Amino acid sequence: MPCVQDGRVPGAYAGRVRFRPADLETLPPVLRLAVGRVVKVAFAGIALPGDPFTGQGLYLAWCSDDVFDGFLIPEQDLEFLGA
């Protein structure tokens, strides 16, 4: 299997995003409060096989846990914004 590299480095700043999850019903309360907020995020890694978000990039809030409370957020729930 070839090694796939996409240039993203865990822990690196990834930009500004708006949190737009598709399924609001399954979110914990802290993430429901974050819906629609614009947050700076860092790349955390790629979801492994067996994870509900297999193959997707996972992100966390940059330098703070105030918005996502430490939860890793899959790229499907993020709208990446310009600088």
PDB file of N, CA and C in Angstrom:
ATOM      1  N   MET A   1       0.857  -1.179   0.000  1.00  0.00           N
ATOM      2  CA  MET A   1       0.000   0.000   0.000  1.00  0.00           C
ATOM      3  C   MET A   1       0.899   1.237   0.000  1.00  0.00           C
ATOM      4  N   PRO A   2       0.688   2.177  -0.924  1.00  0.00           N
ATOM      5  CA  PRO A   2       1.523   3.360  -0.965  1.00  0.00           C
ATOM      6  C   PRO A   2       1.245   4.285   0.216  1.00  0.00           C
ATOM      7  N   CYS A   3       2.246   5.024   0.593  1.00  0.00           N
ATOM      8  CA  CYS A   3       2.106   5.994   1.674  1.00  0.00           C
ATOM      9  C   CYS A   3       1.477   7.267   1.106  1.00  0.00           C
ATOM     10  N   VAL A   4       0.330   7.640   1.640  1.00  0.00           N
ATOM     11  CA  VAL A   4      -0.356   8.837   1.168  1.00  0.00           C
ATOM     12  C   VAL A   4       0.026   9.998   2.077  1.00  0.00           C
ATOM     13  N   GLN A   5       0.542  11.048   1.479  1.00  0.00           N
ATOM     14  CA  GLN A   5       0.892  12.237   2.236  1.00  0.00           C
ATOM     15  C   GLN A   5       0.150  13.418   1.644  1.00  0.00           C
ATOM     16  N   ASP A   6      -0.522  14.163   2.486  1.00  0.00           N
ATOM     17  CA  ASP A   6      -1.276  15.298   1.970  1.00  0.00           C
ATOM     18  C   ASP A   6      -0.736  16.633   2.461  1.00  0.00           C
ATOM     19  N   GLY A   7       0.399  16.635   3.145  1.00  0.00           N
ATOM     20  CA  GLY A   7       1.019  17.870   3.570  1.00  0.00           C
ATOM     21  C   GLY A   7       0.542  18.403   4.904  1.00  0.00           C
ATOM     22  N   ARG A   8      -0.486  17.807   5.468  1.00  0.00           N
ATOM     23  CA  ARG A   8      -0.967  18.277   6.772  1.00  0.00           C
ATOM     24  C   ARG A   8      -0.121  17.638   7.871  1.00  0.00           C
ATOM     25  N   VAL A   9       0.285  18.447   8.814  1.00  0.00           N
ATOM     26  CA  VAL A   9       1.126  17.979   9.915  1.00  0.00           C
ATOM     27  C   VAL A   9       0.332  18.100  11.213  1.00  0.00           C
ATOM     28  N   PRO A  10       0.209  17.006  11.978  1.00  0.00           N
ATOM     29  CA  PRO A  10      -0.517  17.095  13.253  1.00  0.00           C
ATOM     30  C   PRO A  10       0.040  18.212  14.128  1.00  0.00           C
ATOM     31  N   GLY A  11      -0.881  19.007  14.655  1.00  0.00           N
ATOM     32  CA  GLY A  11      -0.523  20.120  15.522  1.00  0.00           C
ATOM     33  C   GLY A  11      -0.366  21.438  14.783  1.00  0.00           C
ATOM     34  N   ALA A  12      -0.344  21.394  13.455  1.00  0.00           N
ATOM     35  CA  ALA A  12      -0.166  22.617  12.668  1.00  0.00           C
ATOM     36  C   ALA A  12      -1.476  23.390  12.548  1.00  0.00           C
ATOM     37  N   TYR A  13      -1.343  24.714  12.574  1.00  0.00           N
ATOM     38  CA  TYR A  13      -2.501  25.592  12.364  1.00  0.00           C
ATOM     39  C   TYR A  13      -3.124  25.282  11.007  1.00  0.00           C
ATOM     40  N   ALA A  14      -4.460  25.157  10.960  1.00  0.00           N
ATOM     41  CA  ALA A  14      -5.149  24.780   9.729  1.00  0.00           C
ATOM     42  C   ALA A  14      -6.096  25.860   9.203  1.00  0.00           C
ATOM     43  N   GLY A  15      -6.286  26.940   9.951  1.00  0.00           N
ATOM     44  CA  GLY A  15      -7.117  28.028   9.473  1.00  0.00           C
ATOM     45  C   GLY A  15      -8.365  28.259  10.308  1.00  0.00           C
ATOM     46  N   ARG A  16      -9.248  29.074   9.728  1.00  0.00           N
ATOM     47  CA  ARG A  16     -10.513  29.406  10.386  1.00  0.00           C
ATOM     48  C   ARG A  16     -11.635  28.581   9.762  1.00  0.00           C
ATOM     49  N   VAL A  17     -12.520  28.111  10.613  1.00  0.00           N
ATOM     50  CA  VAL A  17     -13.642  27.289  10.157  1.00  0.00           C
ATOM     51  C   VAL A  17     -14.931  27.719  10.841  1.00  0.00           C
ATOM     52  N   ARG A  18     -16.032  27.399  10.188  1.00  0.00           N
ATOM     53  CA  ARG A  18     -17.340  27.525  10.833  1.00  0.00           C
ATOM     54  C   ARG A  18     -17.794  26.106  11.128  1.00  0.00           C
ATOM     55  N   PHE A  19     -18.241  25.877  12.360  1.00  0.00           N
ATOM     56  CA  PHE A  19     -18.695  24.546  12.766  1.00  0.00           C
ATOM     57  C   PHE A  19     -20.108  24.339  12.254  1.00  0.00           C
ATOM     58  N   ARG A  20     -20.260  23.392  11.299  1.00  0.00           N
ATOM     59  CA  ARG A  20     -21.543  23.122  10.649  1.00  0.00           C
ATOM     60  C   ARG A  20     -21.805  21.624  10.582  1.00  0.00           C
ATOM     61  N   PRO A  21     -22.076  21.000  11.715  1.00  0.00           N
ATOM     62  CA  PRO A  21     -22.326  19.555  11.700  1.00  0.00           C
ATOM     63  C   PRO A  21     -23.648  19.219  11.011  1.00  0.00           C
ATOM     64  N   ALA A  22     -23.649  18.085  10.336  1.00  0.00           N
ATOM     65  CA  ALA A  22     -24.852  17.643   9.626  1.00  0.00           C
ATOM     66  C   ALA A  22     -25.896  17.072  10.578  1.00  0.00           C
ATOM     67  N   ASP A  23     -25.447  16.398  11.623  1.00  0.00           N
ATOM     68  CA  ASP A  23     -26.364  15.708  12.536  1.00  0.00           C
ATOM     69  C   ASP A  23     -26.334  16.365  13.912  1.00  0.00           C
ATOM     70  N   LEU A  24     -27.234  17.288  14.143  1.00  0.00           N
ATOM     71  CA  LEU A  24     -27.269  18.021  15.412  1.00  0.00           C
ATOM     72  C   LEU A  24     -27.787  17.167  16.568  1.00  0.00           C
ATOM     73  N   GLU A  25     -28.631  16.194  16.263  1.00  0.00           N
ATOM     74  CA  GLU A  25     -29.278  15.403  17.316  1.00  0.00           C
ATOM     75  C   GLU A  25     -28.306  14.572  18.145  1.00  0.00           C
ATOM     76  N   THR A  26     -27.200  14.137  17.551  1.00  0.00           N
ATOM     77  CA  THR A  26     -26.278  13.263  18.275  1.00  0.00           C
ATOM     78  C   THR A  26     -25.158  14.024  18.989  1.00  0.00           C
ATOM     79  N   LEU A  27     -25.148  15.350  18.858  1.00  0.00           N
ATOM     80  CA  LEU A  27     -24.072  16.135  19.470  1.00  0.00           C
ATOM     81  C   LEU A  27     -24.226  16.251  20.981  1.00  0.00           C
ATOM     82  N   PRO A  28     -23.103  16.218  21.709  1.00  0.00           N
ATOM     83  CA  PRO A  28     -23.179  16.520  23.138  1.00  0.00           C
ATOM     84  C   PRO A  28     -23.506  18.009  23.310  1.00  0.00           C
ATOM     85  N   PRO A  29     -24.052  18.395  24.444  1.00  0.00           N
ATOM     86  CA  PRO A  29     -24.468  19.789  24.662  1.00  0.00           C
ATOM     87  C   PRO A  29     -23.387  20.835  24.365  1.00  0.00           C
ATOM     88  N   VAL A  30     -22.151  20.577  24.742  1.00  0.00           N
ATOM     89  CA  VAL A  30     -21.098  21.570  24.513  1.00  0.00           C
ATOM     90  C   VAL A  30     -20.888  21.822  23.021  1.00  0.00           C
ATOM     91  N   LEU A  31     -21.043  20.799  22.194  1.00  0.00           N
ATOM     92  CA  LEU A  31     -20.885  20.990  20.755  1.00  0.00           C
ATOM     93  C   LEU A  31     -22.125  21.626  20.133  1.00  0.00           C
ATOM     94  N   ARG A  32     -23.288  21.404  20.693  1.00  0.00           N
ATOM     95  CA  ARG A  32     -24.497  22.082  20.204  1.00  0.00           C
ATOM     96  C   ARG A  32     -24.352  23.594  20.361  1.00  0.00           C
ATOM     97  N   LEU A  33     -23.727  24.005  21.454  1.00  0.00           N
ATOM     98  CA  LEU A  33     -23.508  25.435  21.683  1.00  0.00           C
ATOM     99  C   LEU A  33     -22.515  26.037  20.694  1.00  0.00           C
ATOM    100  N   ALA A  34     -21.683  25.201  20.095  1.00  0.00           N
ATOM    101  CA  ALA A  34     -20.640  25.669  19.175  1.00  0.00           C
ATOM    102  C   ALA A  34     -21.126  25.773  17.727  1.00  0.00           C
ATOM    103  N   VAL A  35     -22.296  25.235  17.420  1.00  0.00           N
ATOM    104  CA  VAL A  35     -22.793  25.236  16.038  1.00  0.00           C
ATOM    105  C   VAL A  35     -22.864  26.670  15.511  1.00  0.00           C
ATOM    106  N   GLY A  36     -22.274  26.859  14.326  1.00  0.00           N
ATOM    107  CA  GLY A  36     -22.285  28.162  13.679  1.00  0.00           C
ATOM    108  C   GLY A  36     -21.135  29.077  14.066  1.00  0.00           C
ATOM    109  N   ARG A  37     -20.412  28.719  15.100  1.00  0.00           N
ATOM    110  CA  ARG A  37     -19.297  29.571  15.545  1.00  0.00           C
ATOM    111  C   ARG A  37     -18.110  29.438  14.610  1.00  0.00           C
ATOM    112  N   VAL A  38     -17.367  30.529  14.486  1.00  0.00           N
ATOM    113  CA  VAL A  38     -16.131  30.539  13.718  1.00  0.00           C
ATOM    114  C   VAL A  38     -14.987  30.364  14.701  1.00  0.00           C
ATOM    115  N   VAL A  39     -14.110  29.399  14.389  1.00  0.00           N
ATOM    116  CA  VAL A  39     -13.044  28.992  15.308  1.00  0.00           C
ATOM    117  C   VAL A  39     -11.760  28.781  14.515  1.00  0.00           C
ATOM    118  N   LYS A  40     -10.621  29.098  15.108  1.00  0.00           N
ATOM    119  CA  LYS A  40      -9.330  28.739  14.529  1.00  0.00           C
ATOM    120  C   LYS A  40      -9.043  27.307  14.946  1.00  0.00           C
ATOM    121  N   VAL A  41      -8.560  26.485  13.997  1.00  0.00           N
ATOM    122  CA  VAL A  41      -8.321  25.070  14.294  1.00  0.00           C
ATOM    123  C   VAL A  41      -6.917  24.626  13.900  1.00  0.00           C
ATOM    124  N   ALA A  42      -6.524  23.511  14.492  1.00  0.00           N
ATOM    125  CA  ALA A  42      -5.276  22.826  14.157  1.00  0.00           C
ATOM    126  C   ALA A  42      -5.628  21.439  13.640  1.00  0.00           C
ATOM    127  N   PHE A  43      -4.805  20.952  12.730  1.00  0.00           N
ATOM    128  CA  PHE A  43      -4.972  19.596  12.228  1.00  0.00           C
ATOM    129  C   PHE A  43      -4.522  18.624  13.312  1.00  0.00           C
ATOM    130  N   ALA A  44      -5.328  17.602  13.582  1.00  0.00           N
ATOM    131  CA  ALA A  44      -4.992  16.637  14.631  1.00  0.00           C
ATOM    132  C   ALA A  44      -4.572  15.280  14.075  1.00  0.00           C
ATOM    133  N   GLY A  45      -4.989  14.942  12.856  1.00  0.00           N
ATOM    134  CA  GLY A  45      -4.648  13.649  12.269  1.00  0.00           C
ATOM    135  C   GLY A  45      -5.768  13.148  11.387  1.00  0.00           C
ATOM    136  N   ILE A  46      -5.588  11.938  10.892  1.00  0.00           N
ATOM    137  CA  ILE A  46      -6.586  11.287  10.032  1.00  0.00           C
ATOM    138  C   ILE A  46      -7.273  10.189  10.841  1.00  0.00           C
ATOM    139  N   ALA A  47      -8.594  10.136  10.750  1.00  0.00           N
ATOM    140  CA  ALA A  47      -9.351   9.101  11.455  1.00  0.00           C
ATOM    141  C   ALA A  47      -8.975   7.728  10.898  1.00  0.00           C
ATOM    142  N   LEU A  48      -8.711   6.808  11.786  1.00  0.00           N
ATOM    143  CA  LEU A  48      -8.260   5.466  11.429  1.00  0.00           C
ATOM    144  C   LEU A  48      -9.428   4.555  11.045  1.00  0.00           C
ATOM    145  N   PRO A  49      -9.124   3.437  10.356  1.00  0.00           N
ATOM    146  CA  PRO A  49     -10.177   2.464  10.043  1.00  0.00           C
ATOM    147  C   PRO A  49     -10.906   2.035  11.321  1.00  0.00           C
ATOM    148  N   GLY A  50     -12.209   1.932  11.219  1.00  0.00           N
ATOM    149  CA  GLY A  50     -13.029   1.567  12.371  1.00  0.00           C
ATOM    150  C   GLY A  50     -13.611   2.782  13.076  1.00  0.00           C
ATOM    151  N   ASP A  51     -13.034   3.950  12.853  1.00  0.00           N
ATOM    152  CA  ASP A  51     -13.547   5.198  13.413  1.00  0.00           C
ATOM    153  C   ASP A  51     -14.784   5.589  12.600  1.00  0.00           C
ATOM    154  N   PRO A  52     -15.760   6.256  13.203  1.00  0.00           N
ATOM    155  CA  PRO A  52     -16.934   6.674  12.423  1.00  0.00           C
ATOM    156  C   PRO A  52     -16.594   7.606  11.260  1.00  0.00           C
ATOM    157  N   PHE A  53     -15.443   8.264  11.309  1.00  0.00           N
ATOM    158  CA  PHE A  53     -15.051   9.222  10.276  1.00  0.00           C
ATOM    159  C   PHE A  53     -13.808   8.758   9.526  1.00  0.00           C
ATOM    160  N   THR A  54     -13.660   7.453   9.346  1.00  0.00           N
ATOM    161  CA  THR A  54     -12.488   6.847   8.707  1.00  0.00           C
ATOM    162  C   THR A  54     -12.019   7.639   7.490  1.00  0.00           C
ATOM    163  N   GLY A  55     -10.732   7.960   7.488  1.00  0.00           N
ATOM    164  CA  GLY A  55     -10.112   8.638   6.357  1.00  0.00           C
ATOM    165  C   GLY A  55     -10.251  10.148   6.343  1.00  0.00           C
ATOM    166  N   GLN A  56     -11.085  10.682   7.197  1.00  0.00           N
ATOM    167  CA  GLN A  56     -11.267  12.131   7.232  1.00  0.00           C
ATOM    168  C   GLN A  56     -10.225  12.789   8.118  1.00  0.00           C
ATOM    169  N   GLY A  57      -9.924  14.038   7.803  1.00  0.00           N
ATOM    170  CA  GLY A  57      -9.087  14.830   8.690  1.00  0.00           C
ATOM    171  C   GLY A  57      -9.860  15.162   9.951  1.00  0.00           C
ATOM    172  N   LEU A  58      -9.161  15.149  11.074  1.00  0.00           N
ATOM    173  CA  LEU A  58      -9.744  15.525  12.361  1.00  0.00           C
ATOM    174  C   LEU A  58      -9.060  16.807  12.834  1.00  0.00           C
ATOM    175  N   TYR A  59      -9.843  17.682  13.433  1.00  0.00           N
ATOM    176  CA  TYR A  59      -9.339  18.988  13.843  1.00  0.00           C
ATOM    177  C   TYR A  59      -9.732  19.278  15.278  1.00  0.00           C
ATOM    178  N   LEU A  60      -8.949  20.147  15.919  1.00  0.00           N
ATOM    179  CA  LEU A  60      -9.272  20.615  17.260  1.00  0.00           C
ATOM    180  C   LEU A  60      -9.062  22.114  17.302  1.00  0.00           C
ATOM    181  N   ALA A  61      -9.670  22.755  18.292  1.00  0.00           N
ATOM    182  CA  ALA A  61      -9.548  24.204  18.403  1.00  0.00           C
ATOM    183  C   ALA A  61      -8.091  24.582  18.642  1.00  0.00           C
ATOM    184  N   TRP A  62      -7.655  25.650  18.020  1.00  0.00           N
ATOM    185  CA  TRP A  62      -6.282  26.150  18.105  1.00  0.00           C
ATOM    186  C   TRP A  62      -6.089  26.869  19.434  1.00  0.00           C
ATOM    187  N   CYS A  63      -5.179  26.370  20.250  1.00  0.00           N
ATOM    188  CA  CYS A  63      -4.731  27.021  21.489  1.00  0.00           C
ATOM    189  C   CYS A  63      -5.803  27.192  22.562  1.00  0.00           C
ATOM    190  N   SER A  64      -6.918  26.504  22.452  1.00  0.00           N
ATOM    191  CA  SER A  64      -7.969  26.656  23.451  1.00  0.00           C
ATOM    192  C   SER A  64      -8.957  25.503  23.349  1.00  0.00           C
ATOM    193  N   ASP A  65      -9.542  25.146  24.461  1.00  0.00           N
ATOM    194  CA  ASP A  65     -10.604  24.145  24.471  1.00  0.00           C
ATOM    195  C   ASP A  65     -11.952  24.787  24.783  1.00  0.00           C
ATOM    196  N   ASP A  66     -12.021  26.115  24.726  1.00  0.00           N
ATOM    197  CA  ASP A  66     -13.228  26.837  25.118  1.00  0.00           C
ATOM    198  C   ASP A  66     -14.454  26.516  24.266  1.00  0.00           C
ATOM    199  N   VAL A  67     -14.257  26.238  22.982  1.00  0.00           N
ATOM    200  CA  VAL A  67     -15.400  26.035  22.091  1.00  0.00           C
ATOM    201  C   VAL A  67     -15.742  24.556  21.936  1.00  0.00           C
ATOM    202  N   PHE A  68     -14.761  23.732  21.605  1.00  0.00           N
ATOM    203  CA  PHE A  68     -15.011  22.308  21.347  1.00  0.00           C
ATOM    204  C   PHE A  68     -14.740  21.419  22.560  1.00  0.00           C
ATOM    205  N   ASP A  69     -14.295  21.991  23.642  1.00  0.00           N
ATOM    206  CA  ASP A  69     -14.069  21.257  24.893  1.00  0.00           C
ATOM    207  C   ASP A  69     -13.173  20.028  24.706  1.00  0.00           C
ATOM    208  N   GLY A  70     -12.201  20.131  23.785  1.00  0.00           N
ATOM    209  CA  GLY A  70     -11.265  19.037  23.567  1.00  0.00           C
ATOM    210  C   GLY A  70     -11.718  17.988  22.564  1.00  0.00           C
ATOM    211  N   PHE A  71     -12.945  18.081  22.068  1.00  0.00           N
ATOM    212  CA  PHE A  71     -13.428  17.115  21.081  1.00  0.00           C
ATOM    213  C   PHE A  71     -12.676  17.286  19.767  1.00  0.00           C
ATOM    214  N   LEU A  72     -12.374  16.174  19.108  1.00  0.00           N
ATOM    215  CA  LEU A  72     -11.846  16.203  17.747  1.00  0.00           C
ATOM    216  C   LEU A  72     -13.033  16.320  16.800  1.00  0.00           C
ATOM    217  N   ILE A  73     -12.915  17.191  15.815  1.00  0.00           N
ATOM    218  CA  ILE A  73     -14.020  17.467  14.909  1.00  0.00           C
ATOM    219  C   ILE A  73     -13.652  16.989  13.502  1.00  0.00           C
ATOM    220  N   PRO A  74     -14.500  16.160  12.871  1.00  0.00           N
ATOM    221  CA  PRO A  74     -14.196  15.676  11.522  1.00  0.00           C
ATOM    222  C   PRO A  74     -14.409  16.775  10.490  1.00  0.00           C
ATOM    223  N   GLU A  75     -13.630  16.694   9.412  1.00  0.00           N
ATOM    224  CA  GLU A  75     -13.699  17.738   8.398  1.00  0.00           C
ATOM    225  C   GLU A  75     -15.081  17.879   7.780  1.00  0.00           C
ATOM    226  N   GLN A  76     -15.906  16.824   7.775  1.00  0.00           N
ATOM    227  CA  GLN A  76     -17.249  16.922   7.203  1.00  0.00           C
ATOM    228  C   GLN A  76     -18.113  17.940   7.934  1.00  0.00           C
ATOM    229  N   ASP A  77     -17.759  18.247   9.173  1.00  0.00           N
ATOM    230  CA  ASP A  77     -18.553  19.181   9.981  1.00  0.00           C
ATOM    231  C   ASP A  77     -17.981  20.586   9.994  1.00  0.00           C
ATOM    232  N   LEU A  78     -16.974  20.842   9.164  1.00  0.00           N
ATOM    233  CA  LEU A  78     -16.315  22.147   9.159  1.00  0.00           C
ATOM    234  C   LEU A  78     -16.422  22.807   7.790  1.00  0.00           C
ATOM    235  N   GLU A  79     -16.696  24.091   7.800  1.00  0.00           N
ATOM    236  CA  GLU A  79     -16.664  24.909   6.589  1.00  0.00           C
ATOM    237  C   GLU A  79     -15.409  25.776   6.705  1.00  0.00           C
ATOM    238  N   PHE A  80     -14.405  25.497   5.876  1.00  0.00           N
ATOM    239  CA  PHE A  80     -13.165  26.253   5.927  1.00  0.00           C
ATOM    240  C   PHE A  80     -13.371  27.613   5.286  1.00  0.00           C
ATOM    241  N   LEU A  81     -12.918  28.644   5.986  1.00  0.00           N
ATOM    242  CA  LEU A  81     -13.100  30.019   5.558  1.00  0.00           C
ATOM    243  C   LEU A  81     -11.784  30.607   5.071  1.00  0.00           C
ATOM    244  N   GLY A  82     -11.862  31.639   4.289  1.00  0.00           N
ATOM    245  CA  GLY A  82     -10.652  32.327   3.852  1.00  0.00           C
ATOM    246  C   GLY A  82      -9.982  33.024   5.021  1.00  0.00           C
ATOM    247  N   ALA A  83      -8.782  33.497   4.779  1.00  0.00           N
ATOM    248  CA  ALA A  83      -7.991  34.181   5.807  1.00  0.00           C
ATOM    249  C   ALA A  83      -8.785  35.303   6.376  1.00  0.00           C
TER     250      ALA A  83
END
